[in-house]
C-alpha cells in the first residue's frame, strides 16, 4: 500500500480545486438544489469547499502558497494511530 495521502494521489490542490469548481457549478444550476446556492458568495464557497476537500483527503491545513484565504480551522493534533 502506498504511503502517499489520498490528497497527493488525487493530484493535489489543483485537481481538487477543479473538481470543486465543477461541483459548485452543477449545484448552482440544479433545479432542486440551486435555490440554496443563489445568495452564497462564489469565492467564499469555492475556497471553503476546496479547503474542506483538501483537509478531508489528508492535505496539511494551510492554504496553498500565495493564497489569501486563511484557514477556517486549526490543524488537528497528531493522530498516534496514523503514521
PDB file of N, CA and C in Angstrom:
ATOM      1  N   UNK A   1       0.842  -1.181   0.000  1.00  0.00           N
ATOM      2  CA  UNK A   1       0.000   0.000   0.000  1.00  0.00           C
ATOM      3  C   UNK A   1       0.883   1.238   0.000  1.00  0.00           C
ATOM      4  N   UNK A   2       0.482   2.234  -0.744  1.00  0.00           N
ATOM      5  CA  UNK A   2       1.261   3.459  -0.877  1.00  0.00           C
ATOM      6  C   UNK A   2       1.167   4.294   0.391  1.00  0.00           C
ATOM      7  N   UNK A   3       2.271   4.975   0.715  1.00  0.00           N
ATOM      8  CA  UNK A   3       2.262   5.840   1.889  1.00  0.00           C
ATOM      9  C   UNK A   3       1.818   7.256   1.537  1.00  0.00           C
ATOM     10  N   UNK A   4       1.576   7.510   0.242  1.00  0.00           N
ATOM     11  CA  UNK A   4       1.081   8.820  -0.168  1.00  0.00           C
ATOM     12  C   UNK A   4      -0.328   9.031   0.372  1.00  0.00           C
ATOM     13  N   UNK A   5      -0.660  10.277   0.641  1.00  0.00           N
ATOM     14  CA  UNK A   5      -2.011  10.586   1.094  1.00  0.00           C
ATOM     15  C   UNK A   5      -2.970  10.544  -0.095  1.00  0.00           C
ATOM     16  N   UNK A   6      -4.227  10.424   0.210  1.00  0.00           N
ATOM     17  CA  UNK A   6      -5.245  10.478  -0.833  1.00  0.00           C
ATOM     18  C   UNK A   6      -5.150  11.805  -1.579  1.00  0.00           C
ATOM     19  N   UNK A   7      -4.845  12.859  -0.843  1.00  0.00           N
ATOM     20  CA  UNK A   7      -4.666  14.186  -1.431  1.00  0.00           C
ATOM     21  C   UNK A   7      -3.644  14.154  -2.570  1.00  0.00           C
ATOM     22  N   UNK A   8      -2.493  13.566  -2.330  1.00  0.00           N
ATOM     23  CA  UNK A   8      -1.460  13.533  -3.370  1.00  0.00           C
ATOM     24  C   UNK A   8      -1.821  12.567  -4.490  1.00  0.00           C
ATOM     25  N   UNK A   9      -2.488  11.470  -4.159  1.00  0.00           N
ATOM     26  CA  UNK A   9      -2.886  10.517  -5.206  1.00  0.00           C
ATOM     27  C   UNK A   9      -3.962  11.096  -6.115  1.00  0.00           C
ATOM     28  N   UNK A  10      -4.789  11.997  -5.589  1.00  0.00           N
ATOM     29  CA  UNK A  10      -5.825  12.636  -6.405  1.00  0.00           C
ATOM     30  C   UNK A  10      -5.263  13.725  -7.314  1.00  0.00           C
ATOM     31  N   UNK A  11      -4.073  14.198  -7.025  1.00  0.00           N
ATOM     32  CA  UNK A  11      -3.465  15.226  -7.870  1.00  0.00           C
ATOM     33  C   UNK A  11      -3.236  16.544  -7.173  1.00  0.00           C
ATOM     34  N   UNK A  12      -3.435  16.579  -5.861  1.00  0.00           N
ATOM     35  CA  UNK A  12      -3.138  17.776  -5.095  1.00  0.00           C
ATOM     36  C   UNK A  12      -4.194  18.862  -5.210  1.00  0.00           C
ATOM     37  N   UNK A  13      -3.784  20.045  -4.841  1.00  0.00           N
ATOM     38  CA  UNK A  13      -4.691  21.183  -4.747  1.00  0.00           C
ATOM     39  C   UNK A  13      -5.353  21.517  -6.082  1.00  0.00           C
ATOM     40  N   UNK A  14      -4.598  21.500  -7.168  1.00  0.00           N
ATOM     41  CA  UNK A  14      -5.147  21.881  -8.469  1.00  0.00           C
ATOM     42  C   UNK A  14      -6.274  20.952  -8.898  1.00  0.00           C
ATOM     43  N   UNK A  15      -6.095  19.663  -8.719  1.00  0.00           N
ATOM     44  CA  UNK A  15      -7.120  18.695  -9.116  1.00  0.00           C
ATOM     45  C   UNK A  15      -8.363  18.828  -8.234  1.00  0.00           C
ATOM     46  N   UNK A  16      -8.160  19.003  -6.945  1.00  0.00           N
ATOM     47  CA  UNK A  16      -9.290  19.149  -6.039  1.00  0.00           C
ATOM     48  C   UNK A  16     -10.031  20.451  -6.324  1.00  0.00           C
ATOM     49  N   UNK A  17      -9.306  21.512  -6.649  1.00  0.00           N
ATOM     50  CA  UNK A  17      -9.951  22.781  -6.994  1.00  0.00           C
ATOM     51  C   UNK A  17     -10.803  22.640  -8.252  1.00  0.00           C
ATOM     52  N   UNK A  18     -10.318  21.895  -9.232  1.00  0.00           N
ATOM     53  CA  UNK A  18     -11.078  21.689 -10.469  1.00  0.00           C
ATOM     54  C   UNK A  18     -12.359  20.901 -10.197  1.00  0.00           C
ATOM     55  N   UNK A  19     -12.258  19.861  -9.395  1.00  0.00           N
ATOM     56  CA  UNK A  19     -13.442  19.064  -9.045  1.00  0.00           C
ATOM     57  C   UNK A  19     -14.438  19.918  -8.263  1.00  0.00           C
ATOM     58  N   UNK A  20     -13.939  20.692  -7.318  1.00  0.00           N
ATOM     59  CA  UNK A  20     -14.803  21.542  -6.508  1.00  0.00           C
ATOM     60  C   UNK A  20     -15.518  22.581  -7.364  1.00  0.00           C
ATOM     61  N   UNK A  21     -14.803  23.178  -8.304  1.00  0.00           N
ATOM     62  CA  UNK A  21     -15.413  24.172  -9.187  1.00  0.00           C
ATOM     63  C   UNK A  21     -16.543  23.548 -10.009  1.00  0.00           C
ATOM     64  N   UNK A  22     -16.295  22.363 -10.548  1.00  0.00           N
ATOM     65  CA  UNK A  22     -17.333  21.672 -11.312  1.00  0.00           C
ATOM     66  C   UNK A  22     -18.539  21.323 -10.465  1.00  0.00           C
ATOM     67  N   UNK A  23     -18.286  20.870  -9.238  1.00  0.00           N
ATOM     68  CA  UNK A  23     -19.381  20.514  -8.337  1.00  0.00           C
ATOM     69  C   UNK A  23     -20.224  21.734  -7.987  1.00  0.00           C
ATOM     70  N   UNK A  24     -19.585  22.846  -7.652  1.00  0.00           N
ATOM     71  CA  UNK A  24     -20.323  24.046  -7.289  1.00  0.00           C
ATOM     72  C   UNK A  24     -21.130  24.581  -8.472  1.00  0.00           C
ATOM     73  N   UNK A  25     -20.585  24.489  -9.666  1.00  0.00           N
ATOM     74  CA  UNK A  25     -21.311  24.918 -10.863  1.00  0.00           C
ATOM     75  C   UNK A  25     -22.571  24.083 -11.045  1.00  0.00           C
ATOM     76  N   UNK A  26     -22.437  22.776 -10.883  1.00  0.00           N
ATOM     77  CA  UNK A  26     -23.609  21.898 -11.024  1.00  0.00           C
ATOM     78  C   UNK A  26     -24.630  22.140  -9.920  1.00  0.00           C
ATOM     79  N   UNK A  27     -24.173  22.389  -8.702  1.00  0.00           N
ATOM     80  CA  UNK A  27     -25.101  22.649  -7.601  1.00  0.00           C
ATOM     81  C   UNK A  27     -25.898  23.928  -7.841  1.00  0.00           C
ATOM     82  N   UNK A  28     -25.225  24.963  -8.325  1.00  0.00           N
ATOM     83  CA  UNK A  28     -25.897  26.243  -8.544  1.00  0.00           C
ATOM     84  C   UNK A  28     -26.928  26.170  -9.662  1.00  0.00           C
ATOM     85  N   UNK A  29     -26.717  25.310 -10.637  1.00  0.00           N
ATOM     86  CA  UNK A  29     -27.640  25.230 -11.769  1.00  0.00           C
ATOM     87  C   UNK A  29     -28.661  24.102 -11.616  1.00  0.00           C
ATOM     88  N   UNK A  30     -28.582  23.344 -10.546  1.00  0.00           N
ATOM     89  CA  UNK A  30     -29.518  22.247 -10.321  1.00  0.00           C
ATOM     90  C   UNK A  30     -30.917  22.788 -10.037  1.00  0.00           C
ATOM     91  N   UNK A  31     -31.918  22.127 -10.606  1.00  0.00           N
ATOM     92  CA  UNK A  31     -33.306  22.574 -10.453  1.00  0.00           C
ATOM     93  C   UNK A  31     -33.777  22.537  -8.997  1.00  0.00           C
ATOM     94  N   UNK A  32     -33.359  21.550  -8.238  1.00  0.00           N
ATOM     95  CA  UNK A  32     -33.819  21.417  -6.855  1.00  0.00           C
ATOM     96  C   UNK A  32     -32.876  22.059  -5.848  1.00  0.00           C
ATOM     97  N   UNK A  33     -31.579  21.997  -6.087  1.00  0.00           N
ATOM     98  CA  UNK A  33     -30.619  22.493  -5.101  1.00  0.00           C
ATOM     99  C   UNK A  33     -30.137  23.908  -5.367  1.00  0.00           C
ATOM    100  N   UNK A  34     -30.367  24.413  -6.571  1.00  0.00           N
ATOM    101  CA  UNK A  34     -29.848  25.721  -6.956  1.00  0.00           C
ATOM    102  C   UNK A  34     -30.296  26.856  -6.049  1.00  0.00           C
ATOM    103  N   UNK A  35     -31.496  26.758  -5.515  1.00  0.00           N
ATOM    104  CA  UNK A  35     -32.009  27.834  -4.653  1.00  0.00           C
ATOM    105  C   UNK A  35     -31.192  28.010  -3.382  1.00  0.00           C
ATOM    106  N   UNK A  36     -30.531  26.954  -2.927  1.00  0.00           N
ATOM    107  CA  UNK A  36     -29.714  27.053  -1.722  1.00  0.00           C
ATOM    108  C   UNK A  36     -28.386  27.764  -1.978  1.00  0.00           C
ATOM    109  N   UNK A  37     -28.004  27.884  -3.246  1.00  0.00           N
ATOM    110  CA  UNK A  37     -26.706  28.452  -3.602  1.00  0.00           C
ATOM    111  C   UNK A  37     -26.824  29.841  -4.221  1.00  0.00           C
ATOM    112  N   UNK A  38     -28.023  30.393  -4.338  1.00  0.00           N
ATOM    113  CA  UNK A  38     -28.219  31.673  -5.016  1.00  0.00           C
ATOM    114  C   UNK A  38     -27.560  32.841  -4.291  1.00  0.00           C
ATOM    115  N   UNK A  39     -27.644  32.887  -3.001  1.00  0.00           N
ATOM    116  CA  UNK A  39     -27.139  34.042  -2.251  1.00  0.00           C
ATOM    117  C   UNK A  39     -25.799  33.764  -1.578  1.00  0.00           C
ATOM    118  N   UNK A  40     -25.091  32.786  -2.051  1.00  0.00           N
ATOM    119  CA  UNK A  40     -23.776  32.461  -1.498  1.00  0.00           C
ATOM    120  C   UNK A  40     -22.696  33.185  -2.285  1.00  0.00           C
ATOM    121  N   UNK A  41     -21.682  33.640  -1.606  1.00  0.00           N
ATOM    122  CA  UNK A  41     -20.547  34.262  -2.288  1.00  0.00           C
ATOM    123  C   UNK A  41     -19.737  33.202  -3.014  1.00  0.00           C
ATOM    124  N   UNK A  42     -19.527  33.386  -4.294  1.00  0.00           N
ATOM    125  CA  UNK A  42     -18.825  32.390  -5.093  1.00  0.00           C
ATOM    126  C   UNK A  42     -17.418  32.104  -4.580  1.00  0.00           C
ATOM    127  N   UNK A  43     -16.670  33.150  -4.288  1.00  0.00           N
ATOM    128  CA  UNK A  43     -15.285  32.948  -3.846  1.00  0.00           C
ATOM    129  C   UNK A  43     -15.224  32.248  -2.488  1.00  0.00           C
ATOM    130  N   UNK A  44     -16.103  32.629  -1.593  1.00  0.00           N
ATOM    131  CA  UNK A  44     -16.097  32.028  -0.253  1.00  0.00           C
ATOM    132  C   UNK A  44     -16.493  30.559  -0.332  1.00  0.00           C
ATOM    133  N   UNK A  45     -17.549  30.261  -1.084  1.00  0.00           N
ATOM    134  CA  UNK A  45     -17.986  28.863  -1.232  1.00  0.00           C
ATOM    135  C   UNK A  45     -16.886  28.016  -1.859  1.00  0.00           C
ATOM    136  N   UNK A  46     -16.268  28.536  -2.890  1.00  0.00           N
ATOM    137  CA  UNK A  46     -15.212  27.790  -3.563  1.00  0.00           C
ATOM    138  C   UNK A  46     -14.034  27.556  -2.624  1.00  0.00           C
ATOM    139  N   UNK A  47     -13.602  28.599  -1.928  1.00  0.00           N
ATOM    140  CA  UNK A  47     -12.459  28.472  -1.027  1.00  0.00           C
ATOM    141  C   UNK A  47     -12.736  27.490   0.104  1.00  0.00           C
ATOM    142  N   UNK A  48     -13.925  27.575   0.683  1.00  0.00           N
ATOM    143  CA  UNK A  48     -14.257  26.685   1.804  1.00  0.00           C
ATOM    144  C   UNK A  48     -14.405  25.238   1.348  1.00  0.00           C
ATOM    145  N   UNK A  49     -14.993  25.023   0.172  1.00  0.00           N
ATOM    146  CA  UNK A  49     -15.143  23.643  -0.288  1.00  0.00           C
ATOM    147  C   UNK A  49     -13.795  23.039  -0.655  1.00  0.00           C
ATOM    148  N   UNK A  50     -12.924  23.827  -1.258  1.00  0.00           N
ATOM    149  CA  UNK A  50     -11.576  23.339  -1.586  1.00  0.00           C
ATOM    150  C   UNK A  50     -10.819  23.035  -0.299  1.00  0.00           C
ATOM    151  N   UNK A  51     -10.907  23.935   0.667  1.00  0.00           N
ATOM    152  CA  UNK A  51     -10.216  23.725   1.943  1.00  0.00           C
ATOM    153  C   UNK A  51     -10.723  22.456   2.631  1.00  0.00           C
ATOM    154  N   UNK A  52     -12.039  22.259   2.624  1.00  0.00           N
ATOM    155  CA  UNK A  52     -12.607  21.070   3.246  1.00  0.00           C
ATOM    156  C   UNK A  52     -12.139  19.801   2.547  1.00  0.00           C
ATOM    157  N   UNK A  53     -12.224  19.778   1.219  1.00  0.00           N
ATOM    158  CA  UNK A  53     -11.827  18.575   0.480  1.00  0.00           C
ATOM    159  C   UNK A  53     -10.339  18.282   0.639  1.00  0.00           C
ATOM    160  N   UNK A  54      -9.521  19.320   0.656  1.00  0.00           N
ATOM    161  CA  UNK A  54      -8.081  19.111   0.869  1.00  0.00           C
ATOM    162  C   UNK A  54      -7.827  18.521   2.250  1.00  0.00           C
ATOM    163  N   UNK A  55      -8.465  19.075   3.260  1.00  0.00           N
ATOM    164  CA  UNK A  55      -8.268  18.566   4.619  1.00  0.00           C
ATOM    165  C   UNK A  55      -8.805  17.150   4.757  1.00  0.00           C
ATOM    166  N   UNK A  56      -9.943  16.873   4.143  1.00  0.00           N
ATOM    167  CA  UNK A  56     -10.551  15.550   4.256  1.00  0.00           C
ATOM    168  C   UNK A  56      -9.747  14.472   3.550  1.00  0.00           C
ATOM    169  N   UNK A  57      -8.939  14.862   2.582  1.00  0.00           N
ATOM    170  CA  UNK A  57      -8.149  13.877   1.844  1.00  0.00           C
ATOM    171  C   UNK A  57      -6.707  13.778   2.330  1.00  0.00           C
ATOM    172  N   UNK A  58      -6.365  14.490   3.387  1.00  0.00           N
ATOM    173  CA  UNK A  58      -5.060  14.311   4.006  1.00  0.00           C
ATOM    174  C   UNK A  58      -4.042  15.388   3.738  1.00  0.00           C
ATOM    175  N   UNK A  59      -4.446  16.513   3.178  1.00  0.00           N
ATOM    176  CA  UNK A  59      -3.502  17.614   2.965  1.00  0.00           C
ATOM    177  C   UNK A  59      -3.240  18.319   4.285  1.00  0.00           C
ATOM    178  N   UNK A  60      -2.157  19.067   4.347  1.00  0.00           N
ATOM    179  CA  UNK A  60      -1.947  19.881   5.535  1.00  0.00           C
ATOM    180  C   UNK A  60      -3.023  20.955   5.542  1.00  0.00           C
ATOM    181  N   UNK A  61      -3.275  21.577   6.659  1.00  0.00           N
ATOM    182  CA  UNK A  61      -4.385  22.507   6.776  1.00  0.00           C
ATOM    183  C   UNK A  61      -4.049  23.930   6.370  1.00  0.00           C
ATOM    184  N   UNK A  62      -2.863  24.165   5.905  1.00  0.00           N
ATOM    185  CA  UNK A  62      -2.522  25.505   5.444  1.00  0.00           C
ATOM    186  C   UNK A  62      -2.961  25.665   3.999  1.00  0.00           C
ATOM    187  N   UNK A  63      -3.475  26.851   3.624  1.00  0.00           N
ATOM    188  CA  UNK A  63      -3.835  27.060   2.227  1.00  0.00           C
ATOM    189  C   UNK A  63      -2.587  27.069   1.355  1.00  0.00           C
ATOM    190  N   UNK A  64      -2.720  26.892   0.055  1.00  0.00           N
ATOM    191  CA  UNK A  64      -1.552  26.856  -0.809  1.00  0.00           C
ATOM    192  C   UNK A  64      -0.801  28.184  -0.791  1.00  0.00           C
ATOM    193  N   UNK A  65       0.469  28.132  -1.128  1.00  0.00           N
ATOM    194  CA  UNK A  65       1.296  29.327  -1.142  1.00  0.00           C
ATOM    195  C   UNK A  65       0.698  30.372  -2.074  1.00  0.00           C
ATOM    196  N   UNK A  66       0.696  31.614  -1.622  1.00  0.00           N
ATOM    197  CA  UNK A  66       0.151  32.688  -2.422  1.00  0.00           C
ATOM    198  C   UNK A  66      -1.334  32.896  -2.247  1.00  0.00           C
ATOM    199  N   UNK A  67      -1.998  32.042  -1.503  1.00  0.00           N
ATOM    200  CA  UNK A  67      -3.434  32.178  -1.298  1.00  0.00           C
ATOM    201  C   UNK A  67      -3.695  33.205  -0.213  1.00  0.00           C
ATOM    202  N   UNK A  68      -4.735  33.999  -0.397  1.00  0.00           N
ATOM    203  CA  UNK A  68      -5.086  34.987   0.625  1.00  0.00           C
ATOM    204  C   UNK A  68      -6.245  34.515   1.490  1.00  0.00           C
ATOM    205  N   UNK A  69      -6.584  33.235   1.397  1.00  0.00           N
ATOM    206  CA  UNK A  69      -7.679  32.680   2.185  1.00  0.00           C
ATOM    207  C   UNK A  69      -7.092  32.050   3.447  1.00  0.00           C
ATOM    208  N   UNK A  70      -7.443  32.598   4.623  1.00  0.00           N
ATOM    209  CA  UNK A  70      -6.920  31.998   5.857  1.00  0.00           C
ATOM    210  C   UNK A  70      -7.619  30.683   6.150  1.00  0.00           C
ATOM    211  N   UNK A  71      -6.943  29.755   6.824  1.00  0.00           N
ATOM    212  CA  UNK A  71      -7.603  28.502   7.177  1.00  0.00           C
ATOM    213  C   UNK A  71      -8.752  28.772   8.147  1.00  0.00           C
ATOM    214  N   UNK A  72      -9.834  28.023   7.999  1.00  0.00           N
ATOM    215  CA  UNK A  72     -11.004  28.283   8.840  1.00  0.00           C
ATOM    216  C   UNK A  72     -10.978  27.483  10.134  1.00  0.00           C
ATOM    217  N   UNK A  73     -10.047  26.575  10.265  1.00  0.00           N
ATOM    218  CA  UNK A  73      -9.974  25.794  11.483  1.00  0.00           C
ATOM    219  C   UNK A  73      -8.520  25.418  11.729  1.00  0.00           C
ATOM    220  N   UNK A  74      -8.129  25.249  12.981  1.00  0.00           N
ATOM    221  CA  UNK A  74      -6.738  24.910  13.271  1.00  0.00           C
ATOM    222  C   UNK A  74      -6.413  23.472  12.878  1.00  0.00           C
ATOM    223  N   UNK A  75      -5.151  23.214  12.708  1.00  0.00           N
ATOM    224  CA  UNK A  75      -4.716  21.852  12.399  1.00  0.00           C
ATOM    225  C   UNK A  75      -5.037  20.940  13.576  1.00  0.00           C
ATOM    226  N   UNK A  76      -5.475  19.733  13.312  1.00  0.00           N
ATOM    227  CA  UNK A  76      -5.797  18.824  14.414  1.00  0.00           C
ATOM    228  C   UNK A  76      -4.519  18.314  15.072  1.00  0.00           C
ATOM    229  N   UNK A  77      -4.636  17.828  16.281  1.00  0.00           N
ATOM    230  CA  UNK A  77      -3.454  17.256  16.928  1.00  0.00           C
ATOM    231  C   UNK A  77      -3.020  15.997  16.190  1.00  0.00           C
ATOM    232  N   UNK A  78      -1.763  15.614  16.313  1.00  0.00           N
ATOM    233  CA  UNK A  78      -1.300  14.403  15.624  1.00  0.00           C
ATOM    234  C   UNK A  78      -2.079  13.182  16.075  1.00  0.00           C
ATOM    235  N   UNK A  79      -2.360  12.310  15.136  1.00  0.00           N
ATOM    236  CA  UNK A  79      -3.086  11.080  15.428  1.00  0.00           C
ATOM    237  C   UNK A  79      -2.062   9.973  15.644  1.00  0.00           C
ATOM    238  N   UNK A  80      -1.970   9.401  16.849  1.00  0.00           N
ATOM    239  CA  UNK A  80      -0.972   8.364  17.106  1.00  0.00           C
ATOM    240  C   UNK A  80      -1.251   7.074  16.332  1.00  0.00           C
ATOM    241  N   UNK A  81      -2.450   6.914  15.796  1.00  0.00           N
ATOM    242  CA  UNK A  81      -2.775   5.698  15.064  1.00  0.00           C
ATOM    243  C   UNK A  81      -2.423   5.796  13.579  1.00  0.00           C
ATOM    244  N   UNK A  82      -2.109   6.996  13.115  1.00  0.00           N
ATOM    245  CA  UNK A  82      -1.741   7.188  11.718  1.00  0.00           C
ATOM    246  C   UNK A  82      -0.276   7.552  11.614  1.00  0.00           C
ATOM    247  N   UNK A  83       0.459   6.894  10.755  1.00  0.00           N
ATOM    248  CA  UNK A  83       1.888   7.260  10.607  1.00  0.00           C
ATOM    249  C   UNK A  83       2.057   8.570   9.895  1.00  0.00           C
TER     250      UNK A  83
END
